[in-house]
Amino acid sequence: MALSQFDIIKSLGESIEWFEKELSWGMPIAELRHLTGRIGNFM
């Protein structure tokens, strides 16, 4: 089943929130490849 435009935007927002949280916790950007890849796919 394909995602609706609303679901895509919601998932993008959630991924960006996690990215920001992990950066604030001091996680190196190189360790966040899974999130940057997901965000890139949504874009």
PDB file of N, CA and C in Angstrom:
ATOM      1  N   MET A   1       0.842  -1.171   0.000  1.00  0.00           N
ATOM      2  CA  MET A   1       0.000   0.000   0.000  1.00  0.00           C
ATOM      3  C   MET A   1       0.892   1.241   0.000  1.00  0.00           C
ATOM      4  N   ALA A   2       0.607   2.171  -0.865  1.00  0.00           N
ATOM      5  CA  ALA A   2       1.394   3.395  -0.970  1.00  0.00           C
ATOM      6  C   ALA A   2       1.043   4.359   0.162  1.00  0.00           C
ATOM      7  N   LEU A   3       2.027   5.136   0.558  1.00  0.00           N
ATOM      8  CA  LEU A   3       1.801   6.145   1.584  1.00  0.00           C
ATOM      9  C   LEU A   3       1.097   7.356   0.980  1.00  0.00           C
ATOM     10  N   SER A   4       0.206   7.956   1.757  1.00  0.00           N
ATOM     11  CA  SER A   4      -0.436   9.185   1.307  1.00  0.00           C
ATOM     12  C   SER A   4       0.548  10.342   1.479  1.00  0.00           C
ATOM     13  N   GLN A   5       0.254  11.457   0.854  1.00  0.00           N
ATOM     14  CA  GLN A   5       1.111  12.629   0.982  1.00  0.00           C
ATOM     15  C   GLN A   5       1.187  13.062   2.450  1.00  0.00           C
ATOM     16  N   PHE A   6       0.093  12.972   3.178  1.00  0.00           N
ATOM     17  CA  PHE A   6       0.067  13.314   4.594  1.00  0.00           C
ATOM     18  C   PHE A   6       1.013  12.402   5.379  1.00  0.00           C
ATOM     19  N   ASP A   7       0.971  11.092   5.101  1.00  0.00           N
ATOM     20  CA  ASP A   7       1.840  10.137   5.802  1.00  0.00           C
ATOM     21  C   ASP A   7       3.313  10.418   5.528  1.00  0.00           C
ATOM     22  N   ILE A   8       3.625  10.788   4.305  1.00  0.00           N
ATOM     23  CA  ILE A   8       5.016  11.094   3.942  1.00  0.00           C
ATOM     24  C   ILE A   8       5.500  12.317   4.706  1.00  0.00           C
ATOM     25  N   ILE A   9       4.672  13.372   4.736  1.00  0.00           N
ATOM     26  CA  ILE A   9       5.053  14.598   5.439  1.00  0.00           C
ATOM     27  C   ILE A   9       5.191  14.332   6.933  1.00  0.00           C
ATOM     28  N   LYS A  10       4.286  13.547   7.495  1.00  0.00           N
ATOM     29  CA  LYS A  10       4.346  13.199   8.919  1.00  0.00           C
ATOM     30  C   LYS A  10       5.628  12.421   9.230  1.00  0.00           C
ATOM     31  N   SER A  11       5.952  11.448   8.400  1.00  0.00           N
ATOM     32  CA  SER A  11       7.162  10.648   8.609  1.00  0.00           C
ATOM     33  C   SER A  11       8.417  11.491   8.457  1.00  0.00           C
ATOM     34  N   LEU A  12       8.411  12.412   7.514  1.00  0.00           N
ATOM     35  CA  LEU A  12       9.545  13.315   7.334  1.00  0.00           C
ATOM     36  C   LEU A  12       9.751  14.150   8.593  1.00  0.00           C
ATOM     37  N   GLY A  13       8.663  14.694   9.129  1.00  0.00           N
ATOM     38  CA  GLY A  13       8.753  15.483  10.356  1.00  0.00           C
ATOM     39  C   GLY A  13       9.291  14.675  11.520  1.00  0.00           C
ATOM     40  N   GLU A  14       8.828  13.441  11.657  1.00  0.00           N
ATOM     41  CA  GLU A  14       9.298  12.575  12.746  1.00  0.00           C
ATOM     42  C   GLU A  14      10.775  12.252  12.588  1.00  0.00           C
ATOM     43  N   SER A  15      11.205  12.012  11.355  1.00  0.00           N
ATOM     44  CA  SER A  15      12.618  11.706  11.113  1.00  0.00           C
ATOM     45  C   SER A  15      13.494  12.912  11.442  1.00  0.00           C
ATOM     46  N   ILE A  16      13.043  14.099  11.078  1.00  0.00           N
ATOM     47  CA  ILE A  16      13.805  15.312  11.384  1.00  0.00           C
ATOM     48  C   ILE A  16      13.860  15.536  12.895  1.00  0.00           C
ATOM     49  N   GLU A  17      12.750  15.269  13.593  1.00  0.00           N
ATOM     50  CA  GLU A  17      12.756  15.394  15.055  1.00  0.00           C
ATOM     51  C   GLU A  17      13.787  14.462  15.681  1.00  0.00           C
ATOM     52  N   TRP A  18      13.847  13.208  15.219  1.00  0.00           N
ATOM     53  CA  TRP A  18      14.829  12.254  15.763  1.00  0.00           C
ATOM     54  C   TRP A  18      16.250  12.706  15.449  1.00  0.00           C
ATOM     55  N   PHE A  19      16.446  13.210  14.232  1.00  0.00           N
ATOM     56  CA  PHE A  19      17.765  13.701  13.837  1.00  0.00           C
ATOM     57  C   PHE A  19      18.211  14.817  14.782  1.00  0.00           C
ATOM     58  N   GLU A  20      17.319  15.766  15.033  1.00  0.00           N
ATOM     59  CA  GLU A  20      17.645  16.877  15.931  1.00  0.00           C
ATOM     60  C   GLU A  20      17.898  16.393  17.363  1.00  0.00           C
ATOM     61  N   LYS A  21      17.108  15.444  17.838  1.00  0.00           N
ATOM     62  CA  LYS A  21      17.307  14.900  19.182  1.00  0.00           C
ATOM     63  C   LYS A  21      18.675  14.247  19.305  1.00  0.00           C
ATOM     64  N   GLU A  22      18.998  13.410  18.340  1.00  0.00           N
ATOM     65  CA  GLU A  22      20.265  12.689  18.426  1.00  0.00           C
ATOM     66  C   GLU A  22      21.451  13.638  18.315  1.00  0.00           C
ATOM     67  N   LEU A  23      21.337  14.680  17.497  1.00  0.00           N
ATOM     68  CA  LEU A  23      22.404  15.677  17.433  1.00  0.00           C
ATOM     69  C   LEU A  23      22.552  16.380  18.780  1.00  0.00           C
ATOM     70  N   SER A  24      21.431  16.721  19.415  1.00  0.00           N
ATOM     71  CA  SER A  24      21.500  17.411  20.711  1.00  0.00           C
ATOM     72  C   SER A  24      22.091  16.512  21.790  1.00  0.00           C
ATOM     73  N   TRP A  25      21.998  15.199  21.616  1.00  0.00           N
ATOM     74  CA  TRP A  25      22.580  14.249  22.572  1.00  0.00           C
ATOM     75  C   TRP A  25      24.063  14.025  22.321  1.00  0.00           C
ATOM     76  N   GLY A  26      24.600  14.681  21.284  1.00  0.00           N
ATOM     77  CA  GLY A  26      26.026  14.580  20.995  1.00  0.00           C
ATOM     78  C   GLY A  26      26.412  13.448  20.057  1.00  0.00           C
ATOM     79  N   MET A  27      25.442  12.882  19.377  1.00  0.00           N
ATOM     80  CA  MET A  27      25.724  11.785  18.452  1.00  0.00           C
ATOM     81  C   MET A  27      26.459  12.332  17.221  1.00  0.00           C
ATOM     82  N   PRO A  28      27.553  11.698  16.818  1.00  0.00           N
ATOM     83  CA  PRO A  28      28.274  12.152  15.621  1.00  0.00           C
ATOM     84  C   PRO A  28      27.385  12.011  14.367  1.00  0.00           C
ATOM     85  N   ILE A  29      27.515  12.962  13.474  1.00  0.00           N
ATOM     86  CA  ILE A  29      26.689  12.946  12.265  1.00  0.00           C
ATOM     87  C   ILE A  29      26.896  11.653  11.480  1.00  0.00           C
ATOM     88  N   ALA A  30      28.108  11.140  11.467  1.00  0.00           N
ATOM     89  CA  ALA A  30      28.380   9.902  10.725  1.00  0.00           C
ATOM     90  C   ALA A  30      27.533   8.738  11.232  1.00  0.00           C
ATOM     91  N   GLU A  31      27.133   8.786  12.500  1.00  0.00           N
ATOM     92  CA  GLU A  31      26.305   7.720  13.075  1.00  0.00           C
ATOM     93  C   GLU A  31      24.827   7.893  12.746  1.00  0.00           C
ATOM     94  N   LEU A  32      24.473   8.975  12.091  1.00  0.00           N
ATOM     95  CA  LEU A  32      23.068   9.258  11.785  1.00  0.00           C
ATOM     96  C   LEU A  32      22.745   9.018  10.312  1.00  0.00           C
ATOM     97  N   ARG A  33      23.553   8.194   9.665  1.00  0.00           N
ATOM     98  CA  ARG A  33      23.348   7.919   8.240  1.00  0.00           C
ATOM     99  C   ARG A  33      21.965   7.366   7.948  1.00  0.00           C
ATOM    100  N   HIS A  34      21.447   6.533   8.852  1.00  0.00           N
ATOM    101  CA  HIS A  34      20.129   5.955   8.630  1.00  0.00           C
ATOM    102  C   HIS A  34      19.059   7.041   8.582  1.00  0.00           C
ATOM    103  N   LEU A  35      19.206   8.070   9.407  1.00  0.00           N
ATOM    104  CA  LEU A  35      18.216   9.151   9.400  1.00  0.00           C
ATOM    105  C   LEU A  35      18.408  10.090   8.216  1.00  0.00           C
ATOM    106  N   THR A  36      19.660  10.424   7.905  1.00  0.00           N
ATOM    107  CA  THR A  36      19.881  11.324   6.767  1.00  0.00           C
ATOM    108  C   THR A  36      19.438  10.644   5.472  1.00  0.00           C
ATOM    109  N   GLY A  37      19.636   9.343   5.372  1.00  0.00           N
ATOM    110  CA  GLY A  37      19.179   8.614   4.189  1.00  0.00           C
ATOM    111  C   GLY A  37      17.668   8.605   4.085  1.00  0.00           C
ATOM    112  N   ARG A  38      16.999   8.386   5.199  1.00  0.00           N
ATOM    113  CA  ARG A  38      15.535   8.389   5.211  1.00  0.00           C
ATOM    114  C   ARG A  38      14.987   9.773   4.862  1.00  0.00           C
ATOM    115  N   ILE A  39      15.587  10.810   5.444  1.00  0.00           N
ATOM    116  CA  ILE A  39      15.148  12.177   5.152  1.00  0.00           C
ATOM    117  C   ILE A  39      15.356  12.477   3.672  1.00  0.00           C
ATOM    118  N   GLY A  40      16.485  12.060   3.134  1.00  0.00           N
ATOM    119  CA  GLY A  40      16.759  12.255   1.706  1.00  0.00           C
ATOM    120  C   GLY A  40      15.750  11.546   0.826  1.00  0.00           C
ATOM    121  N   ASN A  41      15.344  10.356   1.207  1.00  0.00           N
ATOM    122  CA  ASN A  41      14.342   9.630   0.423  1.00  0.00           C
ATOM    123  C   ASN A  41      12.996  10.341   0.424  1.00  0.00           C
ATOM    124  N   PHE A  42      12.630  10.918   1.555  1.00  0.00           N
ATOM    125  CA  PHE A  42      11.368  11.639   1.631  1.00  0.00           C
ATOM    126  C   PHE A  42      11.405  12.905   0.782  1.00  0.00           C
ATOM    127  N   MET A  43      12.578  13.544   0.750  1.00  0.00           N
ATOM    128  CA  MET A  43      12.695  14.794  -0.020  1.00  0.00           C
ATOM    129  C   MET A  43      12.620  14.497  -1.504  1.00  0.00           C
TER     130      MET A  43
END
